[in-house]
């Protein structure tokens, strides 16, 4: 490894993680054709000849995920160099991990400096009667789809629900219905973002039902039609039901019971609480760390990668007896607000705090909004361009707390050590920024 330390990596599923195989990479591969088709319809002189052909789209998706073969990721890990172990990792005391291999063999590993929990998260299935028995899709089945269902019900209106309902609708899910218990899509974003996305959904033929909960799901025959009964008494027949109701940290079976908190209190059952160095709080000796979804700070791939960089540098500094309180050795991006890109049509990009969150946290807030369609460049890009931007400003300091765009350049003398914390959204071209800083030597 670049810090001169050796490492062992334990993985029971696919090396590379959720986003590489079942998240951002395959979902974006499914969404780009939809966006290109939408752009064509907004440009006079161009013509989309028929619907999108799903076969080449799915074939291209398969190439990006290496047909669910994690060999390339394993070879990358081994090139660091690091030793890769396939199996279930289980904490077995201070600095100790047991690995249960698929063949039943158990191997004990002992770390010299640290153990890092990076176990990610799993899709959450709500306790709706009949839902689990109906074997619903999650993001994994949706992004790995081989045959697009003609009738689809999506439970949830967050980023996953919005992206996958629109992608699958464009690829052949002619009857797509979205049920969400919220009063708008994308409820954690500025209200106008969800409103513009819902408008686009309805115009394309997606049935959006806000403030609706599923109360019963039935699938009498495995693989057969599924019926979703909503709380308002309506009933929806579909070929598949996709659950996009959130995620839960995957830490329930990793042996946290072997790690006794300093307080003597109960062992955590949810995300591991960490400090700004990614150390698990309250663990004697400070040897346990958690990054990504496992610590619950920010369930975004690029934030997990950012936290991993912080964590690795902290562990290396500790191992070498160096100071551990430098700017690059503390997570500051999570407190400032992570960037997020939602690849719907229209796209939604946001960073930092929404207006409601900023006011709840006591900031002196002033907001500024602008119709992006009024910009000449937007009008040139497409007829009927739809877009809006909102800035949430700390009026006392005159600094941005959170911009949201549907449809930032900061001029300042900022040291590179601080820009190291400017996290690009994955997967976008803006990731070049990290490579540039690494080439510089940070």
Foldseek 3Di string as FASTA:
>chain_A
DVLPDEAEAEEAFAQPDCCQQQNVQLLVLLQPVVVVVVLQVFDPPGDDDDADAVPVSLVVSCVSSVVVHRVVNVVVPCVVPYHYHHAAWADQADQKIWGQHPVRDIDIDGDDFADEAEQAWDADDDPAAPPVVLVAAESRCLSNPDDQWLAEEEEAQALSSLSSQQSSCSNHNVAYEYEYLAQFHNVQAPRVQRVVSVVVCVVSPYHYDYNKDFRYKDDPDHQQWIWTAIPVGDIDITSHYYYDPDIFAPPQRRHQVNFQFQVNDDRDRGAFAAFQLQFRPRGPPRRYGYFEVSNVLDNAPLRRVLSVQLNVVQSSCVVVVHDQPDLSNGQDQSVLWAWDWRSHVFIKIKTAHHQVVCVVVPAPWDKDKDFPCVDPVQCVSGPPQGKMKMFIARVVVRDTRMMMITNDDDDDDDDVSVVCNRTDHPPDPVVVVNVVVVVVPD
